Amino acid sequence: MPCRAIQLHARDNIAVCTTPVEVGQTVVVTRPDGTTDEVVALSAITFCNKIALCAVAQGEEILKYGEVIGRAAAPIARGALANDVNIASQPRAYADEYLIRN
């Protein structure tokens, strides 16, 4: 069975694996427009975890759903597992994002 992942938004620099992935396997990434790309896994990645679609420098934003979900706590190579070990969550002020305010 081929390894697969989904890029949820065109801006995302990570994708969500929809199958388990072993080191060295090629992961077929489906983009939001339906096209595909391939990335070779540098890490074992379990179902529903994230794979880096490009190299991410320490301190750089991690994008999922087209939104910043954190910053790289360490460099993340293309094809590596992206998780709480190498991503520092970024708190958000959600109230500041409301379109309608009372």
PDB file of N, CA and C in Angstrom:
ATOM      1  N   MET A   1       0.853  -1.180   0.000  1.00  0.00           N
ATOM      2  CA  MET A   1       0.000   0.000   0.000  1.00  0.00           C
ATOM      3  C   MET A   1       0.899   1.243   0.000  1.00  0.00           C
ATOM      4  N   PRO A   2       0.623   2.198  -0.885  1.00  0.00           N
ATOM      5  CA  PRO A   2       1.450   3.404  -0.922  1.00  0.00           C
ATOM      6  C   PRO A   2       1.223   4.268   0.323  1.00  0.00           C
ATOM      7  N   CYS A   3       2.259   4.991   0.710  1.00  0.00           N
ATOM      8  CA  CYS A   3       2.144   5.933   1.826  1.00  0.00           C
ATOM      9  C   CYS A   3       1.564   7.229   1.286  1.00  0.00           C
ATOM     10  N   ARG A   4       0.648   7.786   2.052  1.00  0.00           N
ATOM     11  CA  ARG A   4      -0.032   8.992   1.588  1.00  0.00           C
ATOM     12  C   ARG A   4      -0.108  10.044   2.680  1.00  0.00           C
ATOM     13  N   ALA A   5      -0.224  11.299   2.221  1.00  0.00           N
ATOM     14  CA  ALA A   5      -0.411  12.435   3.132  1.00  0.00           C
ATOM     15  C   ALA A   5      -1.245  13.482   2.414  1.00  0.00           C
ATOM     16  N   ILE A   6      -1.838  14.369   3.201  1.00  0.00           N
ATOM     17  CA  ILE A   6      -2.672  15.445   2.652  1.00  0.00           C
ATOM     18  C   ILE A   6      -2.131  16.791   3.119  1.00  0.00           C
ATOM     19  N   GLN A   7      -1.903  17.670   2.158  1.00  0.00           N
ATOM     20  CA  GLN A   7      -1.574  19.068   2.463  1.00  0.00           C
ATOM     21  C   GLN A   7      -2.922  19.779   2.541  1.00  0.00           C
ATOM     22  N   LEU A   8      -3.267  20.300   3.702  1.00  0.00           N
ATOM     23  CA  LEU A   8      -4.611  20.830   3.924  1.00  0.00           C
ATOM     24  C   LEU A   8      -4.845  22.203   3.303  1.00  0.00           C
ATOM     25  N   HIS A   9      -3.796  22.989   3.128  1.00  0.00           N
ATOM     26  CA  HIS A   9      -3.905  24.328   2.546  1.00  0.00           C
ATOM     27  C   HIS A   9      -2.660  24.556   1.693  1.00  0.00           C
ATOM     28  N   ALA A  10      -2.795  25.302   0.623  1.00  0.00           N
ATOM     29  CA  ALA A  10      -1.685  25.523  -0.304  1.00  0.00           C
ATOM     30  C   ALA A  10      -0.472  26.175   0.367  1.00  0.00           C
ATOM     31  N   ARG A  11      -0.675  26.953   1.418  1.00  0.00           N
ATOM     32  CA  ARG A  11       0.442  27.615   2.124  1.00  0.00           C
ATOM     33  C   ARG A  11       1.167  26.693   3.093  1.00  0.00           C
ATOM     34  N   ASP A  12       0.578  25.573   3.443  1.00  0.00           N
ATOM     35  CA  ASP A  12       1.141  24.698   4.479  1.00  0.00           C
ATOM     36  C   ASP A  12       2.532  24.191   4.116  1.00  0.00           C
ATOM     37  N   ASN A  13       3.408  24.137   5.124  1.00  0.00           N
ATOM     38  CA  ASN A  13       4.731  23.552   4.916  1.00  0.00           C
ATOM     39  C   ASN A  13       4.840  22.171   5.577  1.00  0.00           C
ATOM     40  N   ILE A  14       3.715  21.645   6.019  1.00  0.00           N
ATOM     41  CA  ILE A  14       3.615  20.279   6.537  1.00  0.00           C
ATOM     42  C   ILE A  14       2.385  19.626   5.913  1.00  0.00           C
ATOM     43  N   ALA A  15       2.348  18.300   5.966  1.00  0.00           N
ATOM     44  CA  ALA A  15       1.174  17.555   5.508  1.00  0.00           C
ATOM     45  C   ALA A  15       0.854  16.512   6.562  1.00  0.00           C
ATOM     46  N   VAL A  16      -0.384  16.056   6.585  1.00  0.00           N
ATOM     47  CA  VAL A  16      -0.836  15.060   7.549  1.00  0.00           C
ATOM     48  C   VAL A  16      -0.808  13.686   6.876  1.00  0.00           C
ATOM     49  N   CYS A  17      -0.093  12.753   7.489  1.00  0.00           N
ATOM     50  CA  CYS A  17       0.009  11.397   6.938  1.00  0.00           C
ATOM     51  C   CYS A  17      -1.295  10.636   7.182  1.00  0.00           C
ATOM     52  N   THR A  18      -1.827  10.063   6.134  1.00  0.00           N
ATOM     53  CA  THR A  18      -3.074   9.300   6.236  1.00  0.00           C
ATOM     54  C   THR A  18      -2.813   7.801   6.273  1.00  0.00           C
ATOM     55  N   THR A  19      -1.541   7.442   6.261  1.00  0.00           N
ATOM     56  CA  THR A  19      -1.111   6.056   6.427  1.00  0.00           C
ATOM     57  C   THR A  19       0.162   6.076   7.270  1.00  0.00           C
ATOM     58  N   PRO A  20       0.482   4.974   7.935  1.00  0.00           N
ATOM     59  CA  PRO A  20       1.765   4.920   8.635  1.00  0.00           C
ATOM     60  C   PRO A  20       2.911   4.956   7.624  1.00  0.00           C
ATOM     61  N   VAL A  21       4.032   5.554   8.008  1.00  0.00           N
ATOM     62  CA  VAL A  21       5.174   5.721   7.109  1.00  0.00           C
ATOM     63  C   VAL A  21       6.435   5.207   7.807  1.00  0.00           C
ATOM     64  N   GLU A  22       7.234   4.480   7.066  1.00  0.00           N
ATOM     65  CA  GLU A  22       8.526   4.002   7.583  1.00  0.00           C
ATOM     66  C   GLU A  22       9.647   4.833   6.971  1.00  0.00           C
ATOM     67  N   VAL A  23      10.774   4.870   7.645  1.00  0.00           N
ATOM     68  CA  VAL A  23      11.942   5.599   7.143  1.00  0.00           C
ATOM     69  C   VAL A  23      12.284   5.114   5.738  1.00  0.00           C
ATOM     70  N   GLY A  24      12.536   6.055   4.827  1.00  0.00           N
ATOM     71  CA  GLY A  24      12.935   5.734   3.461  1.00  0.00           C
ATOM     72  C   GLY A  24      11.793   5.542   2.483  1.00  0.00           C
ATOM     73  N   GLN A  25      10.562   5.444   2.989  1.00  0.00           N
ATOM     74  CA  GLN A  25       9.427   5.267   2.072  1.00  0.00           C
ATOM     75  C   GLN A  25       9.083   6.594   1.386  1.00  0.00           C
ATOM     76  N   THR A  26       8.578   6.476   0.179  1.00  0.00           N
ATOM     77  CA  THR A  26       8.105   7.643  -0.557  1.00  0.00           C
ATOM     78  C   THR A  26       6.655   7.897  -0.173  1.00  0.00           C
ATOM     79  N   VAL A  27       6.378   9.138   0.203  1.00  0.00           N
ATOM     80  CA  VAL A  27       5.025   9.537   0.596  1.00  0.00           C
ATOM     81  C   VAL A  27       4.439  10.377  -0.531  1.00  0.00           C
ATOM     82  N   VAL A  28       3.276   9.973  -1.028  1.00  0.00           N
ATOM     83  CA  VAL A  28       2.568  10.730  -2.054  1.00  0.00           C
ATOM     84  C   VAL A  28       1.690  11.754  -1.322  1.00  0.00           C
ATOM     85  N   VAL A  29       1.965  13.031  -1.566  1.00  0.00           N
ATOM     86  CA  VAL A  29       1.248  14.119  -0.902  1.00  0.00           C
ATOM     87  C   VAL A  29       0.233  14.705  -1.880  1.00  0.00           C
ATOM     88  N   THR A  30      -1.040  14.683  -1.488  1.00  0.00           N
ATOM     89  CA  THR A  30      -2.086  15.290  -2.309  1.00  0.00           C
ATOM     90  C   THR A  30      -2.270  16.731  -1.847  1.00  0.00           C
ATOM     91  N   ARG A  31      -2.153  17.645  -2.792  1.00  0.00           N
ATOM     92  CA  ARG A  31      -2.308  19.078  -2.516  1.00  0.00           C
ATOM     93  C   ARG A  31      -3.786  19.456  -2.588  1.00  0.00           C
ATOM     94  N   PRO A  32      -4.127  20.643  -2.078  1.00  0.00           N
ATOM     95  CA  PRO A  32      -5.525  21.073  -2.110  1.00  0.00           C
ATOM     96  C   PRO A  32      -6.130  21.149  -3.515  1.00  0.00           C
ATOM     97  N   ASP A  33      -5.291  21.405  -4.531  1.00  0.00           N
ATOM     98  CA  ASP A  33      -5.818  21.493  -5.904  1.00  0.00           C
ATOM     99  C   ASP A  33      -5.911  20.130  -6.584  1.00  0.00           C
ATOM    100  N   GLY A  34      -5.582  19.055  -5.848  1.00  0.00           N
ATOM    101  CA  GLY A  34      -5.690  17.706  -6.395  1.00  0.00           C
ATOM    102  C   GLY A  34      -4.418  17.173  -7.019  1.00  0.00           C
ATOM    103  N   THR A  35      -3.424  18.039  -7.240  1.00  0.00           N
ATOM    104  CA  THR A  35      -2.155  17.559  -7.767  1.00  0.00           C
ATOM    105  C   THR A  35      -1.397  16.834  -6.658  1.00  0.00           C
ATOM    106  N   THR A  36      -0.362  16.108  -7.038  1.00  0.00           N
ATOM    107  CA  THR A  36       0.409  15.374  -6.042  1.00  0.00           C
ATOM    108  C   THR A  36       1.891  15.717  -6.132  1.00  0.00           C
ATOM    109  N   ASP A  37       2.575  15.442  -5.048  1.00  0.00           N
ATOM    110  CA  ASP A  37       4.015  15.601  -4.950  1.00  0.00           C
ATOM    111  C   ASP A  37       4.516  14.388  -4.171  1.00  0.00           C
ATOM    112  N   GLU A  38       5.794  14.152  -4.182  1.00  0.00           N
ATOM    113  CA  GLU A  38       6.357  13.047  -3.413  1.00  0.00           C
ATOM    114  C   GLU A  38       7.459  13.565  -2.513  1.00  0.00           C
ATOM    115  N   VAL A  39       7.550  12.980  -1.325  1.00  0.00           N
ATOM    116  CA  VAL A  39       8.614  13.297  -0.385  1.00  0.00           C
ATOM    117  C   VAL A  39       9.065  11.992   0.256  1.00  0.00           C
ATOM    118  N   VAL A  40      10.372  11.823   0.413  1.00  0.00           N
ATOM    119  CA  VAL A  40      10.924  10.628   1.038  1.00  0.00           C
ATOM    120  C   VAL A  40      10.990  10.861   2.543  1.00  0.00           C
ATOM    121  N   ALA A  41      10.445   9.931   3.293  1.00  0.00           N
ATOM    122  CA  ALA A  41      10.389  10.052   4.753  1.00  0.00           C
ATOM    123  C   ALA A  41      11.761   9.825   5.371  1.00  0.00           C
ATOM    124  N   LEU A  42      12.176  10.768   6.210  1.00  0.00           N
ATOM    125  CA  LEU A  42      13.421  10.643   6.957  1.00  0.00           C
ATOM    126  C   LEU A  42      13.172  10.059   8.341  1.00  0.00           C
ATOM    127  N   SER A  43      11.889   9.980   8.717  1.00  0.00           N
ATOM    128  CA  SER A  43      11.483   9.489  10.033  1.00  0.00           C
ATOM    129  C   SER A  43      10.330   8.521   9.862  1.00  0.00           C
ATOM    130  N   ALA A  44      10.157   7.653  10.834  1.00  0.00           N
ATOM    131  CA  ALA A  44       8.927   6.857  10.891  1.00  0.00           C
ATOM    132  C   ALA A  44       7.840   7.804  11.383  1.00  0.00           C
ATOM    133  N   ILE A  45       6.692   7.783  10.726  1.00  0.00           N
ATOM    134  CA  ILE A  45       5.603   8.708  11.066  1.00  0.00           C
ATOM    135  C   ILE A  45       4.322   7.903  11.191  1.00  0.00           C
ATOM    136  N   THR A  46       3.669   8.014  12.324  1.00  0.00           N
ATOM    137  CA  THR A  46       2.429   7.281  12.538  1.00  0.00           C
ATOM    138  C   THR A  46       1.263   8.001  11.875  1.00  0.00           C
ATOM    139  N   PHE A  47       0.185   7.253  11.695  1.00  0.00           N
ATOM    140  CA  PHE A  47      -1.058   7.765  11.119  1.00  0.00           C
ATOM    141  C   PHE A  47      -1.465   9.073  11.805  1.00  0.00           C
ATOM    142  N   CYS A  48      -1.814  10.057  11.024  1.00  0.00           N
ATOM    143  CA  CYS A  48      -2.304  11.378  11.459  1.00  0.00           C
ATOM    144  C   CYS A  48      -1.224  12.300  12.017  1.00  0.00           C
ATOM    145  N   ASN A  49       0.043  11.920  11.919  1.00  0.00           N
ATOM    146  CA  ASN A  49       1.097  12.844  12.311  1.00  0.00           C
ATOM    147  C   ASN A  49       1.594  13.588  11.084  1.00  0.00           C
ATOM    148  N   LYS A  50       2.443  14.594  11.294  1.00  0.00           N
ATOM    149  CA  LYS A  50       2.823  15.523  10.245  1.00  0.00           C
ATOM    150  C   LYS A  50       4.208  15.232   9.679  1.00  0.00           C
ATOM    151  N   ILE A  51       4.339  15.437   8.357  1.00  0.00           N
ATOM    152  CA  ILE A  51       5.608  15.326   7.657  1.00  0.00           C
ATOM    153  C   ILE A  51       5.937  16.689   7.065  1.00  0.00           C
ATOM    154  N   ALA A  52       7.215  17.082   7.165  1.00  0.00           N
ATOM    155  CA  ALA A  52       7.648  18.372   6.616  1.00  0.00           C
ATOM    156  C   ALA A  52       7.739  18.282   5.091  1.00  0.00           C
ATOM    157  N   LEU A  53       7.138  19.250   4.420  1.00  0.00           N
ATOM    158  CA  LEU A  53       7.151  19.288   2.954  1.00  0.00           C
ATOM    159  C   LEU A  53       8.366  20.021   2.408  1.00  0.00           C
ATOM    160  N   CYS A  54       9.053  20.754   3.270  1.00  0.00           N
ATOM    161  CA  CYS A  54      10.255  21.486   2.884  1.00  0.00           C
ATOM    162  C   CYS A  54      11.128  21.614   4.125  1.00  0.00           C
ATOM    163  N   ALA A  55      12.350  22.015   3.944  1.00  0.00           N
ATOM    164  CA  ALA A  55      13.221  22.263   5.093  1.00  0.00           C
ATOM    165  C   ALA A  55      12.710  23.508   5.818  1.00  0.00           C
ATOM    166  N   VAL A  56      12.652  23.432   7.138  1.00  0.00           N
ATOM    167  CA  VAL A  56      12.174  24.541   7.964  1.00  0.00           C
ATOM    168  C   VAL A  56      13.285  24.886   8.957  1.00  0.00           C
ATOM    169  N   ALA A  57      13.719  26.134   8.931  1.00  0.00           N
ATOM    170  CA  ALA A  57      14.783  26.570   9.830  1.00  0.00           C
ATOM    171  C   ALA A  57      14.240  26.797  11.241  1.00  0.00           C
ATOM    172  N   GLN A  58      15.105  26.671  12.219  1.00  0.00           N
ATOM    173  CA  GLN A  58      14.705  26.947  13.605  1.00  0.00           C
ATOM    174  C   GLN A  58      14.134  28.354  13.690  1.00  0.00           C
ATOM    175  N   GLY A  59      12.986  28.487  14.351  1.00  0.00           N
ATOM    176  CA  GLY A  59      12.323  29.776  14.501  1.00  0.00           C
ATOM    177  C   GLY A  59      11.326  30.105  13.407  1.00  0.00           C
ATOM    178  N   GLU A  60      11.372  29.367  12.305  1.00  0.00           N
ATOM    179  CA  GLU A  60      10.451  29.600  11.193  1.00  0.00           C
ATOM    180  C   GLU A  60       9.045  29.115  11.555  1.00  0.00           C
ATOM    181  N   GLU A  61       8.041  29.748  10.964  1.00  0.00           N
ATOM    182  CA  GLU A  61       6.648  29.381  11.222  1.00  0.00           C
ATOM    183  C   GLU A  61       6.311  28.023  10.620  1.00  0.00           C
ATOM    184  N   ILE A  62       5.480  27.268  11.338  1.00  0.00           N
ATOM    185  CA  ILE A  62       4.917  26.016  10.842  1.00  0.00           C
ATOM    186  C   ILE A  62       3.469  26.320  10.483  1.00  0.00           C
ATOM    187  N   LEU A  63       3.100  26.024   9.244  1.00  0.00           N
ATOM    188  CA  LEU A  63       1.758  26.340   8.753  1.00  0.00           C
ATOM    189  C   LEU A  63       0.947  25.077   8.513  1.00  0.00           C
ATOM    190  N   LYS A  64      -0.262  25.048   9.093  1.00  0.00           N
ATOM    191  CA  LYS A  64      -1.238  23.980   8.879  1.00  0.00           C
ATOM    192  C   LYS A  64      -2.582  24.665   8.769  1.00  0.00           C
ATOM    193  N   TYR A  65      -3.428  24.230   7.872  1.00  0.00           N
ATOM    194  CA  TYR A  65      -4.712  24.886   7.576  1.00  0.00           C
ATOM    195  C   TYR A  65      -4.477  26.310   7.053  1.00  0.00           C
ATOM    196  N   GLY A  66      -3.271  26.608   6.570  1.00  0.00           N
ATOM    197  CA  GLY A  66      -2.943  27.960   6.131  1.00  0.00           C
ATOM    198  C   GLY A  66      -2.690  28.909   7.279  1.00  0.00           C
ATOM    199  N   GLU A  67      -2.620  28.399   8.499  1.00  0.00           N
ATOM    200  CA  GLU A  67      -2.448  29.202   9.712  1.00  0.00           C
ATOM    201  C   GLU A  67      -1.172  28.786  10.436  1.00  0.00           C
ATOM    202  N   VAL A  68      -0.603  29.705  11.184  1.00  0.00           N
ATOM    203  CA  VAL A  68       0.569  29.398  11.991  1.00  0.00           C
ATOM    204  C   VAL A  68       0.124  28.560  13.185  1.00  0.00           C
ATOM    205  N   ILE A  69       0.709  27.363  13.312  1.00  0.00           N
ATOM    206  CA  ILE A  69       0.392  26.520  14.472  1.00  0.00           C
ATOM    207  C   ILE A  69       1.554  26.485  15.453  1.00  0.00           C
ATOM    208  N   GLY A  70       2.683  27.071  15.061  1.00  0.00           N
ATOM    209  CA  GLY A  70       3.845  27.107  15.933  1.00  0.00           C
ATOM    210  C   GLY A  70       5.068  27.550  15.168  1.00  0.00           C
ATOM    211  N   ARG A  71       6.200  27.435  15.840  1.00  0.00           N
ATOM    212  CA  ARG A  71       7.492  27.749  15.231  1.00  0.00           C
ATOM    213  C   ARG A  71       8.420  26.556  15.419  1.00  0.00           C
ATOM    214  N   ALA A  72       9.312  26.385  14.486  1.00  0.00           N
ATOM    215  CA  ALA A  72      10.258  25.280  14.586  1.00  0.00           C
ATOM    216  C   ALA A  72      11.182  25.518  15.775  1.00  0.00           C
ATOM    217  N   ALA A  73      11.166  24.586  16.721  1.00  0.00           N
ATOM    218  CA  ALA A  73      12.032  24.669  17.898  1.00  0.00           C
ATOM    219  C   ALA A  73      13.450  24.204  17.553  1.00  0.00           C
ATOM    220  N   ALA A  74      13.590  23.537  16.426  1.00  0.00           N
ATOM    221  CA  ALA A  74      14.865  23.046  15.903  1.00  0.00           C
ATOM    222  C   ALA A  74      14.698  22.952  14.395  1.00  0.00           C
ATOM    223  N   PRO A  75      15.784  22.881  13.655  1.00  0.00           N
ATOM    224  CA  PRO A  75      15.640  22.708  12.205  1.00  0.00           C
ATOM    225  C   PRO A  75      14.873  21.413  11.902  1.00  0.00           C
ATOM    226  N   ILE A  76      14.010  21.473  10.894  1.00  0.00           N
ATOM    227  CA  ILE A  76      13.228  20.311  10.475  1.00  0.00           C
ATOM    228  C   ILE A  76      13.524  20.078   8.994  1.00  0.00           C
ATOM    229  N   ALA A  77      14.044  18.914   8.677  1.00  0.00           N
ATOM    230  CA  ALA A  77      14.389  18.592   7.295  1.00  0.00           C
ATOM    231  C   ALA A  77      13.151  18.169   6.510  1.00  0.00           C
ATOM    232  N   ARG A  78      13.178  18.379   5.208  1.00  0.00           N
ATOM    233  CA  ARG A  78      12.111  17.889   4.332  1.00  0.00           C
ATOM    234  C   ARG A  78      12.002  16.379   4.527  1.00  0.00           C
ATOM    235  N   GLY A  79      10.800  15.895   4.790  1.00  0.00           N
ATOM    236  CA  GLY A  79      10.573  14.470   4.977  1.00  0.00           C
ATOM    237  C   GLY A  79      10.633  14.015   6.424  1.00  0.00           C
ATOM    238  N   ALA A  80      10.983  14.913   7.330  1.00  0.00           N
ATOM    239  CA  ALA A  80      11.081  14.547   8.745  1.00  0.00           C
ATOM    240  C   ALA A  80       9.725  14.678   9.443  1.00  0.00           C
ATOM    241  N   LEU A  81       9.579  13.955  10.531  1.00  0.00           N
ATOM    242  CA  LEU A  81       8.412  14.072  11.396  1.00  0.00           C
ATOM    243  C   LEU A  81       8.394  15.476  11.992  1.00  0.00           C
ATOM    244  N   ALA A  82       7.255  16.123  11.941  1.00  0.00           N
ATOM    245  CA  ALA A  82       7.066  17.446  12.560  1.00  0.00           C
ATOM    246  C   ALA A  82       6.057  17.256  13.687  1.00  0.00           C
ATOM    247  N   ASN A  83       6.534  17.401  14.934  1.00  0.00           N
ATOM    248  CA  ASN A  83       5.640  17.174  16.074  1.00  0.00           C
ATOM    249  C   ASN A  83       6.041  18.065  17.252  1.00  0.00           C
ATOM    250  N   ASP A  84       5.534  17.757  18.433  1.00  0.00           N
ATOM    251  CA  ASP A  84       5.782  18.606  19.595  1.00  0.00           C
ATOM    252  C   ASP A  84       7.249  18.615  20.034  1.00  0.00           C
ATOM    253  N   VAL A  85       8.063  17.717  19.525  1.00  0.00           N
ATOM    254  CA  VAL A  85       9.483  17.719  19.861  1.00  0.00           C
ATOM    255  C   VAL A  85      10.210  18.846  19.121  1.00  0.00           C
ATOM    256  N   ASN A  86       9.809  19.111  17.869  1.00  0.00           N
ATOM    257  CA  ASN A  86      10.494  20.139  17.090  1.00  0.00           C
ATOM    258  C   ASN A  86       9.604  21.323  16.699  1.00  0.00           C
ATOM    259  N   ILE A  87       8.381  21.364  17.238  1.00  0.00           N
ATOM    260  CA  ILE A  87       7.490  22.511  17.014  1.00  0.00           C
ATOM    261  C   ILE A  87       7.088  23.080  18.368  1.00  0.00           C
ATOM    262  N   ALA A  88       7.316  24.367  18.557  1.00  0.00           N
ATOM    263  CA  ALA A  88       6.861  25.064  19.761  1.00  0.00           C
ATOM    264  C   ALA A  88       5.543  25.742  19.425  1.00  0.00           C
ATOM    265  N   SER A  89       4.491  25.408  20.154  1.00  0.00           N
ATOM    266  CA  SER A  89       3.166  25.997  19.907  1.00  0.00           C
ATOM    267  C   SER A  89       3.207  27.502  20.117  1.00  0.00           C
ATOM    268  N   GLN A  90       2.426  28.202  19.331  1.00  0.00           N
ATOM    269  CA  GLN A  90       2.312  29.649  19.436  1.00  0.00           C
ATOM    270  C   GLN A  90       0.928  29.997  19.960  1.00  0.00           C
ATOM    271  N   PRO A  91       0.836  30.547  21.157  1.00  0.00           N
ATOM    272  CA  PRO A  91      -0.487  30.949  21.646  1.00  0.00           C
ATOM    273  C   PRO A  91      -1.064  32.057  20.763  1.00  0.00           C
ATOM    274  N   ARG A  92      -2.375  32.051  20.617  1.00  0.00           N
ATOM    275  CA  ARG A  92      -3.044  33.061  19.800  1.00  0.00           C
ATOM    276  C   ARG A  92      -4.057  33.808  20.638  1.00  0.00           C
ATOM    277  N   ALA A  93      -4.258  35.052  20.294  1.00  0.00           N
ATOM    278  CA  ALA A  93      -5.292  35.872  20.927  1.00  0.00           C
ATOM    279  C   ALA A  93      -6.524  35.799  20.016  1.00  0.00           C
ATOM    280  N   TYR A  94      -7.303  34.735  20.167  1.00  0.00           N
ATOM    281  CA  TYR A  94      -8.441  34.505  19.273  1.00  0.00           C
ATOM    282  C   TYR A  94      -9.447  35.655  19.301  1.00  0.00           C
ATOM    283  N   ALA A  95      -9.646  36.273  20.449  1.00  0.00           N
ATOM    284  CA  ALA A  95     -10.605  37.382  20.543  1.00  0.00           C
ATOM    285  C   ALA A  95     -10.226  38.518  19.607  1.00  0.00           C
ATOM    286  N   ASP A  96      -8.944  38.708  19.358  1.00  0.00           N
ATOM    287  CA  ASP A  96      -8.487  39.768  18.451  1.00  0.00           C
ATOM    288  C   ASP A  96      -8.814  39.456  16.993  1.00  0.00           C
ATOM    289  N   GLU A  97      -9.177  38.209  16.707  1.00  0.00           N
ATOM    290  CA  GLU A  97      -9.465  37.797  15.339  1.00  0.00           C
ATOM    291  C   GLU A  97     -10.948  37.797  15.002  1.00  0.00           C
ATOM    292  N   TYR A  98     -11.793  38.062  15.976  1.00  0.00           N
ATOM    293  CA  TYR A  98     -13.242  38.057  15.724  1.00  0.00           C
ATOM    294  C   TYR A  98     -13.592  39.164  14.745  1.00  0.00           C
ATOM    295  N   LEU A  99     -14.476  38.851  13.822  1.00  0.00           N
ATOM    296  CA  LEU A  99     -14.918  39.854  12.845  1.00  0.00           C
ATOM    297  C   LEU A  99     -15.938  40.800  13.449  1.00  0.00           C
ATOM    298  N   ILE A 100     -16.734  40.292  14.361  1.00  0.00           N
ATOM    299  CA  ILE A 100     -17.776  41.107  15.014  1.00  0.00           C
ATOM    300  C   ILE A 100     -17.434  41.216  16.487  1.00  0.00           C
ATOM    301  N   ARG A 101     -17.397  42.414  16.974  1.00  0.00           N
ATOM    302  CA  ARG A 101     -17.090  42.642  18.384  1.00  0.00           C
ATOM    303  C   ARG A 101     -18.271  43.329  19.047  1.00  0.00           C
ATOM    304  N   ASN A 102     -18.471  43.004  20.293  1.00  0.00           N
ATOM    305  CA  ASN A 102     -19.556  43.637  21.050  1.00  0.00           C
ATOM    306  C   ASN A 102     -19.108  44.931  21.670  1.00  0.00           C
TER     307      ASN A 102
END
